[in-house]
Amino acid sequence: MCDNAMDMLMNKQYDEVLASLHEYSDSTKEVKPLSPQTAEKYLRKFKMFPVMRYERKYFSFQLEGCNDVKYDVIFASAKDAGIDKPAVIGYMFNPVKVDGEWYLCVKTENDFYDVTKQ
């Protein structure tokens, strides 16, 4: 599921990828399509850092709603970036299983623990 999304990104099928992505609320176990604001944020990221090539770096499945599949994405050749190596950024997905069905989710700001709010 994650590799398929990366293949679509490599082929610049942004609308298809965005349509397949979801947001997940751990507190309510709710999966919903991306909000328009989140979809726009990811579209900007996908266009700013286009997938030329990718490599899955690791995956970790720990809890129903807290899983990670991380990729290194080459988005510019060394020559285009003006550096010795290709330019790389990390992309991460959060696949979750709810009611026996898998969803390809992304992490949003609400997914991170804020130590300042203790």
PDB file of N, CA and C in Angstrom:
ATOM      1  N   MET A   1       0.834  -1.188   0.000  1.00  0.00           N
ATOM      2  CA  MET A   1       0.000   0.000   0.000  1.00  0.00           C
ATOM      3  C   MET A   1       0.881   1.256   0.000  1.00  0.00           C
ATOM      4  N   CYS A   2       1.884   1.270   0.846  1.00  0.00           N
ATOM      5  CA  CYS A   2       2.781   2.426   0.916  1.00  0.00           C
ATOM      6  C   CYS A   2       3.646   2.516  -0.337  1.00  0.00           C
ATOM      7  N   ASP A   3       4.213   1.380  -0.764  1.00  0.00           N
ATOM      8  CA  ASP A   3       5.034   1.378  -1.982  1.00  0.00           C
ATOM      9  C   ASP A   3       4.213   1.817  -3.184  1.00  0.00           C
ATOM     10  N   ASN A   4       2.947   1.410  -3.241  1.00  0.00           N
ATOM     11  CA  ASN A   4       2.076   1.823  -4.344  1.00  0.00           C
ATOM     12  C   ASN A   4       1.906   3.344  -4.348  1.00  0.00           C
ATOM     13  N   ALA A   5       1.726   3.941  -3.173  1.00  0.00           N
ATOM     14  CA  ALA A   5       1.615   5.400  -3.089  1.00  0.00           C
ATOM     15  C   ALA A   5       2.901   6.066  -3.562  1.00  0.00           C
ATOM     16  N   MET A   6       4.038   5.500  -3.192  1.00  0.00           N
ATOM     17  CA  MET A   6       5.318   6.067  -3.626  1.00  0.00           C
ATOM     18  C   MET A   6       5.481   5.955  -5.144  1.00  0.00           C
ATOM     19  N   ASP A   7       5.049   4.831  -5.718  1.00  0.00           N
ATOM     20  CA  ASP A   7       5.095   4.685  -7.185  1.00  0.00           C
ATOM     21  C   ASP A   7       4.231   5.746  -7.859  1.00  0.00           C
ATOM     22  N   MET A   8       3.043   5.983  -7.298  1.00  0.00           N
ATOM     23  CA  MET A   8       2.165   7.007  -7.872  1.00  0.00           C
ATOM     24  C   MET A   8       2.810   8.390  -7.752  1.00  0.00           C
ATOM     25  N   LEU A   9       3.455   8.666  -6.628  1.00  0.00           N
ATOM     26  CA  LEU A   9       4.136   9.955  -6.480  1.00  0.00           C
ATOM     27  C   LEU A   9       5.268  10.088  -7.494  1.00  0.00           C
ATOM     28  N   MET A  10       5.979   9.001  -7.740  1.00  0.00           N
ATOM     29  CA  MET A  10       7.062   9.037  -8.713  1.00  0.00           C
ATOM     30  C   MET A  10       6.512   9.343 -10.109  1.00  0.00           C
ATOM     31  N   ASN A  11       5.269   8.935 -10.362  1.00  0.00           N
ATOM     32  CA  ASN A  11       4.623   9.193 -11.654  1.00  0.00           C
ATOM     33  C   ASN A  11       3.773  10.465 -11.641  1.00  0.00           C
ATOM     34  N   LYS A  12       3.941  11.263 -10.583  1.00  0.00           N
ATOM     35  CA  LYS A  12       3.248  12.547 -10.427  1.00  0.00           C
ATOM     36  C   LYS A  12       1.725  12.414 -10.446  1.00  0.00           C
ATOM     37  N   GLN A  13       1.229  11.307  -9.920  1.00  0.00           N
ATOM     38  CA  GLN A  13      -0.215  11.073  -9.811  1.00  0.00           C
ATOM     39  C   GLN A  13      -0.687  11.601  -8.450  1.00  0.00           C
ATOM     40  N   TYR A  14      -0.521  12.890  -8.257  1.00  0.00           N
ATOM     41  CA  TYR A  14      -0.772  13.510  -6.967  1.00  0.00           C
ATOM     42  C   TYR A  14      -2.223  13.375  -6.516  1.00  0.00           C
ATOM     43  N   ASP A  15      -3.169  13.595  -7.408  1.00  0.00           N
ATOM     44  CA  ASP A  15      -4.583  13.514  -7.033  1.00  0.00           C
ATOM     45  C   ASP A  15      -4.948  12.116  -6.557  1.00  0.00           C
ATOM     46  N   GLU A  16      -4.411  11.091  -7.231  1.00  0.00           N
ATOM     47  CA  GLU A  16      -4.698   9.718  -6.841  1.00  0.00           C
ATOM     48  C   GLU A  16      -4.127   9.414  -5.452  1.00  0.00           C
ATOM     49  N   VAL A  17      -2.915   9.890  -5.198  1.00  0.00           N
ATOM     50  CA  VAL A  17      -2.311   9.664  -3.887  1.00  0.00           C
ATOM     51  C   VAL A  17      -3.111  10.387  -2.809  1.00  0.00           C
ATOM     52  N   LEU A  18      -3.422  11.647  -3.039  1.00  0.00           N
ATOM     53  CA  LEU A  18      -4.177  12.405  -2.036  1.00  0.00           C
ATOM     54  C   LEU A  18      -5.522  11.757  -1.755  1.00  0.00           C
ATOM     55  N   ALA A  19      -6.176  11.212  -2.785  1.00  0.00           N
ATOM     56  CA  ALA A  19      -7.467  10.548  -2.596  1.00  0.00           C
ATOM     57  C   ALA A  19      -7.325   9.268  -1.768  1.00  0.00           C
ATOM     58  N   SER A  20      -6.132   8.673  -1.765  1.00  0.00           N
ATOM     59  CA  SER A  20      -5.930   7.423  -1.025  1.00  0.00           C
ATOM     60  C   SER A  20      -5.469   7.660   0.415  1.00  0.00           C
ATOM     61  N   LEU A  21      -5.115   8.888   0.749  1.00  0.00           N
ATOM     62  CA  LEU A  21      -4.601   9.187   2.091  1.00  0.00           C
ATOM     63  C   LEU A  21      -5.713   9.553   3.060  1.00  0.00           C
ATOM     64  N   HIS A  22      -5.475   9.236   4.320  1.00  0.00           N
ATOM     65  CA  HIS A  22      -6.439   9.500   5.380  1.00  0.00           C
ATOM     66  C   HIS A  22      -5.742  10.099   6.593  1.00  0.00           C
ATOM     67  N   GLU A  23      -6.576  10.637   7.476  1.00  0.00           N
ATOM     68  CA  GLU A  23      -6.120  11.072   8.795  1.00  0.00           C
ATOM     69  C   GLU A  23      -6.743  10.118   9.804  1.00  0.00           C
ATOM     70  N   TYR A  24      -6.021   9.870  10.896  1.00  0.00           N
ATOM     71  CA  TYR A  24      -6.490   8.936  11.912  1.00  0.00           C
ATOM     72  C   TYR A  24      -6.451   9.598  13.274  1.00  0.00           C
ATOM     73  N   SER A  25      -7.522   9.455  14.017  1.00  0.00           N
ATOM     74  CA  SER A  25      -7.573   9.956  15.384  1.00  0.00           C
ATOM     75  C   SER A  25      -7.467   8.762  16.322  1.00  0.00           C
ATOM     76  N   ASP A  26      -6.368   8.689  17.051  1.00  0.00           N
ATOM     77  CA  ASP A  26      -6.138   7.569  17.958  1.00  0.00           C
ATOM     78  C   ASP A  26      -7.159   7.555  19.090  1.00  0.00           C
ATOM     79  N   SER A  27      -7.570   8.734  19.560  1.00  0.00           N
ATOM     80  CA  SER A  27      -8.493   8.799  20.697  1.00  0.00           C
ATOM     81  C   SER A  27      -9.877   8.252  20.346  1.00  0.00           C
ATOM     82  N   THR A  28     -10.328   8.464  19.120  1.00  0.00           N
ATOM     83  CA  THR A  28     -11.665   7.994  18.721  1.00  0.00           C
ATOM     84  C   THR A  28     -11.610   6.786  17.790  1.00  0.00           C
ATOM     85  N   LYS A  29     -10.408   6.389  17.378  1.00  0.00           N
ATOM     86  CA  LYS A  29     -10.216   5.278  16.417  1.00  0.00           C
ATOM     87  C   LYS A  29     -10.939   5.559  15.100  1.00  0.00           C
ATOM     88  N   GLU A  30     -10.981   6.844  14.736  1.00  0.00           N
ATOM     89  CA  GLU A  30     -11.698   7.281  13.542  1.00  0.00           C
ATOM     90  C   GLU A  30     -10.728   7.557  12.395  1.00  0.00           C
ATOM     91  N   VAL A  31     -11.087   7.052  11.225  1.00  0.00           N
ATOM     92  CA  VAL A  31     -10.338   7.311   9.996  1.00  0.00           C
ATOM     93  C   VAL A  31     -11.218   8.189   9.117  1.00  0.00           C
ATOM     94  N   LYS A  32     -10.610   9.250   8.586  1.00  0.00           N
ATOM     95  CA  LYS A  32     -11.380  10.132   7.700  1.00  0.00           C
ATOM     96  C   LYS A  32     -10.476  10.601   6.572  1.00  0.00           C
ATOM     97  N   PRO A  33     -11.070  10.992   5.445  1.00  0.00           N
ATOM     98  CA  PRO A  33     -10.257  11.545   4.349  1.00  0.00           C
ATOM     99  C   PRO A  33      -9.503  12.781   4.819  1.00  0.00           C
ATOM    100  N   LEU A  34      -8.442  13.121   4.115  1.00  0.00           N
ATOM    101  CA  LEU A  34      -7.679  14.317   4.458  1.00  0.00           C
ATOM    102  C   LEU A  34      -8.575  15.542   4.415  1.00  0.00           C
ATOM    103  N   SER A  35      -8.368  16.443   5.350  1.00  0.00           N
ATOM    104  CA  SER A  35      -9.060  17.730   5.284  1.00  0.00           C
ATOM    105  C   SER A  35      -8.502  18.490   4.081  1.00  0.00           C
ATOM    106  N   PRO A  36      -9.257  19.437   3.548  1.00  0.00           N
ATOM    107  CA  PRO A  36      -8.722  20.225   2.427  1.00  0.00           C
ATOM    108  C   PRO A  36      -7.399  20.906   2.771  1.00  0.00           C
ATOM    109  N   GLN A  37      -7.262  21.380   4.012  1.00  0.00           N
ATOM    110  CA  GLN A  37      -6.026  22.046   4.422  1.00  0.00           C
ATOM    111  C   GLN A  37      -4.853  21.067   4.452  1.00  0.00           C
ATOM    112  N   THR A  38      -5.073  19.876   4.985  1.00  0.00           N
ATOM    113  CA  THR A  38      -4.006  18.881   5.044  1.00  0.00           C
ATOM    114  C   THR A  38      -3.653  18.390   3.648  1.00  0.00           C
ATOM    115  N   ALA A  39      -4.667  18.194   2.802  1.00  0.00           N
ATOM    116  CA  ALA A  39      -4.413  17.765   1.421  1.00  0.00           C
ATOM    117  C   ALA A  39      -3.575  18.800   0.689  1.00  0.00           C
ATOM    118  N   GLU A  40      -3.880  20.074   0.880  1.00  0.00           N
ATOM    119  CA  GLU A  40      -3.116  21.148   0.226  1.00  0.00           C
ATOM    120  C   GLU A  40      -1.673  21.164   0.723  1.00  0.00           C
ATOM    121  N   LYS A  41      -1.488  20.947   2.025  1.00  0.00           N
ATOM    122  CA  LYS A  41      -0.140  20.910   2.604  1.00  0.00           C
ATOM    123  C   LYS A  41       0.679  19.783   1.976  1.00  0.00           C
ATOM    124  N   TYR A  42       0.067  18.609   1.850  1.00  0.00           N
ATOM    125  CA  TYR A  42       0.790  17.477   1.255  1.00  0.00           C
ATOM    126  C   TYR A  42       1.018  17.670  -0.235  1.00  0.00           C
ATOM    127  N   LEU A  43       0.079  18.270  -0.944  1.00  0.00           N
ATOM    128  CA  LEU A  43       0.277  18.539  -2.365  1.00  0.00           C
ATOM    129  C   LEU A  43       1.474  19.461  -2.571  1.00  0.00           C
ATOM    130  N   ARG A  44       1.576  20.496  -1.742  1.00  0.00           N
ATOM    131  CA  ARG A  44       2.746  21.397  -1.825  1.00  0.00           C
ATOM    132  C   ARG A  44       4.037  20.622  -1.582  1.00  0.00           C
ATOM    133  N   LYS A  45       4.038  19.771  -0.576  1.00  0.00           N
ATOM    134  CA  LYS A  45       5.235  18.981  -0.262  1.00  0.00           C
ATOM    135  C   LYS A  45       5.589  18.053  -1.429  1.00  0.00           C
ATOM    136  N   PHE A  46       4.599  17.372  -1.983  1.00  0.00           N
ATOM    137  CA  PHE A  46       4.851  16.444  -3.087  1.00  0.00           C
ATOM    138  C   PHE A  46       5.409  17.163  -4.309  1.00  0.00           C
ATOM    139  N   LYS A  47       4.950  18.372  -4.561  1.00  0.00           N
ATOM    140  CA  LYS A  47       5.442  19.124  -5.719  1.00  0.00           C
ATOM    141  C   LYS A  47       6.794  19.779  -5.446  1.00  0.00           C
ATOM    142  N   MET A  48       7.021  20.201  -4.213  1.00  0.00           N
ATOM    143  CA  MET A  48       8.284  20.837  -3.862  1.00  0.00           C
ATOM    144  C   MET A  48       9.420  19.809  -3.811  1.00  0.00           C
ATOM    145  N   PHE A  49       9.097  18.600  -3.390  1.00  0.00           N
ATOM    146  CA  PHE A  49      10.080  17.526  -3.258  1.00  0.00           C
ATOM    147  C   PHE A  49       9.605  16.315  -4.066  1.00  0.00           C
ATOM    148  N   PRO A  50       9.632  16.414  -5.393  1.00  0.00           N
ATOM    149  CA  PRO A  50       9.100  15.332  -6.231  1.00  0.00           C
ATOM    150  C   PRO A  50       9.938  14.059  -6.100  1.00  0.00           C
ATOM    151  N   VAL A  51       9.254  12.939  -6.175  1.00  0.00           N
ATOM    152  CA  VAL A  51       9.918  11.648  -6.024  1.00  0.00           C
ATOM    153  C   VAL A  51      10.562  11.250  -7.350  1.00  0.00           C
ATOM    154  N   MET A  52      11.895  11.342  -7.396  1.00  0.00           N
ATOM    155  CA  MET A  52      12.633  10.843  -8.564  1.00  0.00           C
ATOM    156  C   MET A  52      12.916   9.349  -8.370  1.00  0.00           C
ATOM    157  N   ARG A  53      13.342   9.011  -7.154  1.00  0.00           N
ATOM    158  CA  ARG A  53      13.571   7.623  -6.737  1.00  0.00           C
ATOM    159  C   ARG A  53      13.298   7.552  -5.246  1.00  0.00           C
ATOM    160  N   TYR A  54      13.016   6.351  -4.783  1.00  0.00           N
ATOM    161  CA  TYR A  54      12.800   6.189  -3.347  1.00  0.00           C
ATOM    162  C   TYR A  54      13.337   4.848  -2.879  1.00  0.00           C
ATOM    163  N   GLU A  55      13.598   4.803  -1.575  1.00  0.00           N
ATOM    164  CA  GLU A  55      14.032   3.566  -0.937  1.00  0.00           C
ATOM    165  C   GLU A  55      13.332   3.463   0.412  1.00  0.00           C
ATOM    166  N   ARG A  56      12.667   2.346   0.661  1.00  0.00           N
ATOM    167  CA  ARG A  56      12.047   2.142   1.965  1.00  0.00           C
ATOM    168  C   ARG A  56      13.167   1.926   2.976  1.00  0.00           C
ATOM    169  N   LYS A  57      13.221   2.757   4.003  1.00  0.00           N
ATOM    170  CA  LYS A  57      14.289   2.688   5.002  1.00  0.00           C
ATOM    171  C   LYS A  57      13.922   1.764   6.158  1.00  0.00           C
ATOM    172  N   TYR A  58      12.704   1.855   6.635  1.00  0.00           N
ATOM    173  CA  TYR A  58      12.287   0.954   7.702  1.00  0.00           C
ATOM    174  C   TYR A  58      10.776   0.995   7.842  1.00  0.00           C
ATOM    175  N   PHE A  59      10.279   0.015   8.566  1.00  0.00           N
ATOM    176  CA  PHE A  59       8.882   0.028   8.953  1.00  0.00           C
ATOM    177  C   PHE A  59       8.769  -0.520  10.365  1.00  0.00           C
ATOM    178  N   SER A  60       7.782  -0.032  11.081  1.00  0.00           N
ATOM    179  CA  SER A  60       7.556  -0.440  12.453  1.00  0.00           C
ATOM    180  C   SER A  60       6.057  -0.489  12.696  1.00  0.00           C
ATOM    181  N   PHE A  61       5.564  -1.668  13.040  1.00  0.00           N
ATOM    182  CA  PHE A  61       4.155  -1.842  13.350  1.00  0.00           C
ATOM    183  C   PHE A  61       4.062  -2.188  14.830  1.00  0.00           C
ATOM    184  N   GLN A  62       3.597  -1.202  15.627  1.00  0.00           N
ATOM    185  CA  GLN A  62       3.586  -1.369  17.073  1.00  0.00           C
ATOM    186  C   GLN A  62       2.184  -1.418  17.658  1.00  0.00           C
ATOM    187  N   LEU A  63       1.333  -0.514  17.229  1.00  0.00           N
ATOM    188  CA  LEU A  63      -0.013  -0.401  17.767  1.00  0.00           C
ATOM    189  C   LEU A  63      -0.997  -0.273  16.616  1.00  0.00           C
ATOM    190  N   GLU A  64      -2.273  -0.436  16.921  1.00  0.00           N
ATOM    191  CA  GLU A  64      -3.292  -0.347  15.880  1.00  0.00           C
ATOM    192  C   GLU A  64      -3.173   0.932  15.058  1.00  0.00           C
ATOM    193  N   GLY A  65      -2.942   2.055  15.722  1.00  0.00           N
ATOM    194  CA  GLY A  65      -2.923   3.323  15.013  1.00  0.00           C
ATOM    195  C   GLY A  65      -1.588   4.030  15.004  1.00  0.00           C
ATOM    196  N   CYS A  66      -0.536   3.364  15.437  1.00  0.00           N
ATOM    197  CA  CYS A  66       0.768   4.012  15.490  1.00  0.00           C
ATOM    198  C   CYS A  66       1.801   3.134  14.806  1.00  0.00           C
ATOM    199  N   ASN A  67       1.873   3.236  13.514  1.00  0.00           N
ATOM    200  CA  ASN A  67       2.797   2.457  12.701  1.00  0.00           C
ATOM    201  C   ASN A  67       3.554   3.406  11.798  1.00  0.00           C
ATOM    202  N   ASP A  68       4.757   3.045  11.447  1.00  0.00           N
ATOM    203  CA  ASP A  68       5.574   3.908  10.601  1.00  0.00           C
ATOM    204  C   ASP A  68       6.137   3.118   9.434  1.00  0.00           C
ATOM    205  N   VAL A  69       6.046   3.716   8.254  1.00  0.00           N
ATOM    206  CA  VAL A  69       6.759   3.228   7.075  1.00  0.00           C
ATOM    207  C   VAL A  69       7.487   4.444   6.528  1.00  0.00           C
ATOM    208  N   LYS A  70       8.829   4.412   6.603  1.00  0.00           N
ATOM    209  CA  LYS A  70       9.638   5.579   6.237  1.00  0.00           C
ATOM    210  C   LYS A  70      10.433   5.311   4.971  1.00  0.00           C
ATOM    211  N   TYR A  71      10.491   6.343   4.127  1.00  0.00           N
ATOM    212  CA  TYR A  71      11.219   6.297   2.866  1.00  0.00           C
ATOM    213  C   TYR A  71      12.225   7.433   2.790  1.00  0.00           C
ATOM    214  N   ASP A  72      13.349   7.165   2.147  1.00  0.00           N
ATOM    215  CA  ASP A  72      14.237   8.223   1.691  1.00  0.00           C
ATOM    216  C   ASP A  72      13.862   8.505   0.248  1.00  0.00           C
ATOM    217  N   VAL A  73      13.636   9.769  -0.055  1.00  0.00           N
ATOM    218  CA  VAL A  73      13.199  10.194  -1.384  1.00  0.00           C
ATOM    219  C   VAL A  73      14.273  11.080  -1.995  1.00  0.00           C
ATOM    220  N   ILE A  74      14.763  10.681  -3.155  1.00  0.00           N
ATOM    221  CA  ILE A  74      15.655  11.554  -3.926  1.00  0.00           C
ATOM    222  C   ILE A  74      14.762  12.475  -4.736  1.00  0.00           C
ATOM    223  N   PHE A  75      14.910  13.791  -4.492  1.00  0.00           N
ATOM    224  CA  PHE A  75      14.062  14.758  -5.190  1.00  0.00           C
ATOM    225  C   PHE A  75      14.849  15.658  -6.143  1.00  0.00           C
ATOM    226  N   ALA A  76      16.176  15.548  -6.135  1.00  0.00           N
ATOM    227  CA  ALA A  76      17.003  16.321  -7.072  1.00  0.00           C
ATOM    228  C   ALA A  76      18.335  15.601  -7.238  1.00  0.00           C
ATOM    229  N   SER A  77      18.829  15.595  -8.454  1.00  0.00           N
ATOM    230  CA  SER A  77      20.138  14.996  -8.700  1.00  0.00           C
ATOM    231  C   SER A  77      21.214  15.853  -8.035  1.00  0.00           C
ATOM    232  N   ALA A  78      22.380  15.270  -7.838  1.00  0.00           N
ATOM    233  CA  ALA A  78      23.498  16.020  -7.244  1.00  0.00           C
ATOM    234  C   ALA A  78      23.810  17.250  -8.089  1.00  0.00           C
ATOM    235  N   LYS A  79      23.796  17.071  -9.402  1.00  0.00           N
ATOM    236  CA  LYS A  79      24.095  18.190 -10.308  1.00  0.00           C
ATOM    237  C   LYS A  79      23.054  19.296 -10.155  1.00  0.00           C
ATOM    238  N   ASP A  80      21.764  18.918 -10.166  1.00  0.00           N
ATOM    239  CA  ASP A  80      20.697  19.924 -10.039  1.00  0.00           C
ATOM    240  C   ASP A  80      20.723  20.610  -8.683  1.00  0.00           C
ATOM    241  N   ALA A  81      21.086  19.855  -7.635  1.00  0.00           N
ATOM    242  CA  ALA A  81      21.114  20.421  -6.291  1.00  0.00           C
ATOM    243  C   ALA A  81      22.403  21.186  -6.014  1.00  0.00           C
ATOM    244  N   GLY A  82      23.426  20.990  -6.875  1.00  0.00           N
ATOM    245  CA  GLY A  82      24.698  21.679  -6.685  1.00  0.00           C
ATOM    246  C   GLY A  82      25.498  21.144  -5.507  1.00  0.00           C
ATOM    247  N   ILE A  83      25.338  19.855  -5.235  1.00  0.00           N
ATOM    248  CA  ILE A  83      26.051  19.219  -4.127  1.00  0.00           C
ATOM    249  C   ILE A  83      26.675  17.911  -4.613  1.00  0.00           C
ATOM    250  N   ASP A  84      27.402  17.242  -3.732  1.00  0.00           N
ATOM    251  CA  ASP A  84      28.109  16.021  -4.110  1.00  0.00           C
ATOM    252  C   ASP A  84      27.205  14.798  -4.246  1.00  0.00           C
ATOM    253  N   LYS A  85      26.092  14.793  -3.536  1.00  0.00           N
ATOM    254  CA  LYS A  85      25.173  13.649  -3.546  1.00  0.00           C
ATOM    255  C   LYS A  85      23.789  14.137  -3.944  1.00  0.00           C
ATOM    256  N   PRO A  86      22.929  13.223  -4.383  1.00  0.00           N
ATOM    257  CA  PRO A  86      21.546  13.631  -4.663  1.00  0.00           C
ATOM    258  C   PRO A  86      20.879  14.204  -3.406  1.00  0.00           C
ATOM    259  N   ALA A  87      19.933  15.104  -3.600  1.00  0.00           N
ATOM    260  CA  ALA A  87      19.185  15.701  -2.491  1.00  0.00           C
ATOM    261  C   ALA A  87      18.107  14.725  -2.029  1.00  0.00           C
ATOM    262  N   VAL A  88      18.065  14.496  -0.716  1.00  0.00           N
ATOM    263  CA  VAL A  88      17.174  13.483  -0.142  1.00  0.00           C
ATOM    264  C   VAL A  88      16.323  14.100   0.960  1.00  0.00           C
ATOM    265  N   ILE A  89      15.062  13.655   1.023  1.00  0.00           N
ATOM    266  CA  ILE A  89      14.146  14.030   2.102  1.00  0.00           C
ATOM    267  C   ILE A  89      13.437  12.756   2.548  1.00  0.00           C
ATOM    268  N   GLY A  90      12.914  12.741   3.756  1.00  0.00           N
ATOM    269  CA  GLY A  90      12.177  11.588   4.258  1.00  0.00           C
ATOM    270  C   GLY A  90      10.680  11.778   4.102  1.00  0.00           C
ATOM    271  N   TYR A  91      10.000  10.723   3.660  1.00  0.00           N
ATOM    272  CA  TYR A  91       8.536  10.670   3.627  1.00  0.00           C
ATOM    273  C   TYR A  91       8.122   9.551   4.571  1.00  0.00           C
ATOM    274  N   MET A  92       7.024   9.746   5.302  1.00  0.00           N
ATOM    275  CA  MET A  92       6.571   8.724   6.228  1.00  0.00           C
ATOM    276  C   MET A  92       5.057   8.568   6.146  1.00  0.00           C
ATOM    277  N   PHE A  93       4.625   7.318   6.183  1.00  0.00           N
ATOM    278  CA  PHE A  93       3.200   6.990   6.227  1.00  0.00           C
ATOM    279  C   PHE A  93       2.896   6.297   7.549  1.00  0.00           C
ATOM    280  N   ASN A  94       1.618   6.309   7.915  1.00  0.00           N
ATOM    281  CA  ASN A  94       1.125   5.662   9.123  1.00  0.00           C
ATOM    282  C   ASN A  94      -0.033   4.746   8.732  1.00  0.00           C
ATOM    283  N   PRO A  95       0.258   3.524   8.269  1.00  0.00           N
ATOM    284  CA  PRO A  95      -0.840   2.612   7.940  1.00  0.00           C
ATOM    285  C   PRO A  95      -1.540   2.153   9.220  1.00  0.00           C
ATOM    286  N   VAL A  96      -2.859   2.202   9.223  1.00  0.00           N
ATOM    287  CA  VAL A  96      -3.625   1.768  10.388  1.00  0.00           C
ATOM    288  C   VAL A  96      -4.687   0.764   9.958  1.00  0.00           C
ATOM    289  N   LYS A  97      -5.014  -0.114  10.884  1.00  0.00           N
ATOM    290  CA  LYS A  97      -6.046  -1.127  10.635  1.00  0.00           C
ATOM    291  C   LYS A  97      -7.206  -0.856  11.581  1.00  0.00           C
ATOM    292  N   VAL A  98      -8.366  -0.550  11.004  1.00  0.00           N
ATOM    293  CA  VAL A  98      -9.559  -0.256  11.779  1.00  0.00           C
ATOM    294  C   VAL A  98     -10.671  -1.166  11.275  1.00  0.00           C
ATOM    295  N   ASP A  99     -11.302  -1.865  12.184  1.00  0.00           N
ATOM    296  CA  ASP A  99     -12.385  -2.793  11.844  1.00  0.00           C
ATOM    297  C   ASP A  99     -11.985  -3.759  10.737  1.00  0.00           C
ATOM    298  N   GLY A 100     -10.752  -4.247  10.810  1.00  0.00           N
ATOM    299  CA  GLY A 100     -10.272  -5.248   9.860  1.00  0.00           C
ATOM    300  C   GLY A 100      -9.847  -4.705   8.516  1.00  0.00           C
ATOM    301  N   GLU A 101      -9.877  -3.393   8.325  1.00  0.00           N
ATOM    302  CA  GLU A 101      -9.500  -2.790   7.040  1.00  0.00           C
ATOM    303  C   GLU A 101      -8.306  -1.860   7.227  1.00  0.00           C
ATOM    304  N   TRP A 102      -7.349  -1.964   6.286  1.00  0.00           N
ATOM    305  CA  TRP A 102      -6.159  -1.110   6.321  1.00  0.00           C
ATOM    306  C   TRP A 102      -6.422   0.212   5.614  1.00  0.00           C
ATOM    307  N   TYR A 103      -5.896   1.284   6.186  1.00  0.00           N
ATOM    308  CA  TYR A 103      -5.979   2.629   5.615  1.00  0.00           C
ATOM    309  C   TYR A 103      -4.577   3.224   5.588  1.00  0.00           C
ATOM    310  N   LEU A 104      -4.298   3.955   4.528  1.00  0.00           N
ATOM    311  CA  LEU A 104      -3.016   4.642   4.411  1.00  0.00           C
ATOM    312  C   LEU A 104      -3.188   6.044   4.981  1.00  0.00           C
ATOM    313  N   CYS A 105      -2.622   6.250   6.159  1.00  0.00           N
ATOM    314  CA  CYS A 105      -2.780   7.520   6.858  1.00  0.00           C
ATOM    315  C   CYS A 105      -1.464   8.281   6.883  1.00  0.00           C
ATOM    316  N   VAL A 106      -1.581   9.562   7.149  1.00  0.00           N
ATOM    317  CA  VAL A 106      -0.415  10.423   7.330  1.00  0.00           C
ATOM    318  C   VAL A 106      -0.452  10.947   8.750  1.00  0.00           C
ATOM    319  N   LYS A 107       0.695  11.292   9.236  1.00  0.00           N
ATOM    320  CA  LYS A 107       0.776  11.872  10.571  1.00  0.00           C
ATOM    321  C   LYS A 107       0.502  13.376  10.465  1.00  0.00           C
ATOM    322  N   THR A 108      -0.299  13.872  11.382  1.00  0.00           N
ATOM    323  CA  THR A 108      -0.601  15.298  11.421  1.00  0.00           C
ATOM    324  C   THR A 108      -0.096  15.855  12.749  1.00  0.00           C
ATOM    325  N   GLU A 109      -0.164  17.167  12.898  1.00  0.00           N
ATOM    326  CA  GLU A 109       0.336  17.803  14.108  1.00  0.00           C
ATOM    327  C   GLU A 109      -0.324  17.222  15.353  1.00  0.00           C
ATOM    328  N   ASN A 110      -1.579  16.813  15.249  1.00  0.00           N
ATOM    329  CA  ASN A 110      -2.302  16.266  16.395  1.00  0.00           C
ATOM    330  C   ASN A 110      -1.743  14.925  16.848  1.00  0.00           C
ATOM    331  N   ASP A 111      -0.930  14.275  16.019  1.00  0.00           N
ATOM    332  CA  ASP A 111      -0.382  12.958  16.342  1.00  0.00           C
ATOM    333  C   ASP A 111       0.832  13.026  17.248  1.00  0.00           C
ATOM    334  N   PHE A 112       1.376  14.195  17.468  1.00  0.00           N
ATOM    335  CA  PHE A 112       2.609  14.312  18.217  1.00  0.00           C
ATOM    336  C   PHE A 112       2.324  14.788  19.634  1.00  0.00           C
ATOM    337  N   TYR A 113       3.029  14.230  20.566  1.00  0.00           N
ATOM    338  CA  TYR A 113       2.875  14.552  21.974  1.00  0.00           C
ATOM    339  C   TYR A 113       3.600  15.868  22.264  1.00  0.00           C
ATOM    340  N   ASP A 114       2.897  16.779  22.873  1.00  0.00           N
ATOM    341  CA  ASP A 114       3.477  18.092  23.204  1.00  0.00           C
ATOM    342  C   ASP A 114       3.794  18.135  24.688  1.00  0.00           C
ATOM    343  N   VAL A 115       5.097  18.100  25.024  1.00  0.00           N
ATOM    344  CA  VAL A 115       5.504  18.091  26.428  1.00  0.00           C
ATOM    345  C   VAL A 115       5.196  19.419  27.121  1.00  0.00           C
ATOM    346  N   THR A 116       4.936  20.484  26.371  1.00  0.00           N
ATOM    347  CA  THR A 116       4.637  21.778  26.982  1.00  0.00           C
ATOM    348  C   THR A 116       3.211  21.813  27.526  1.00  0.00           C
ATOM    349  N   LYS A 117       2.384  20.830  27.173  1.00  0.00           N
ATOM    350  CA  LYS A 117       0.981  20.821  27.605  1.00  0.00           C
ATOM    351  C   LYS A 117       0.755  19.835  28.750  1.00  0.00           C
ATOM    352  N   GLN A 118       1.741  19.657  29.587  1.00  0.00           N
ATOM    353  CA  GLN A 118       1.591  18.727  30.723  1.00  0.00           C
ATOM    354  C   GLN A 118       0.942  19.419  31.894  1.00  0.00           C
TER     355      GLN A 118
END
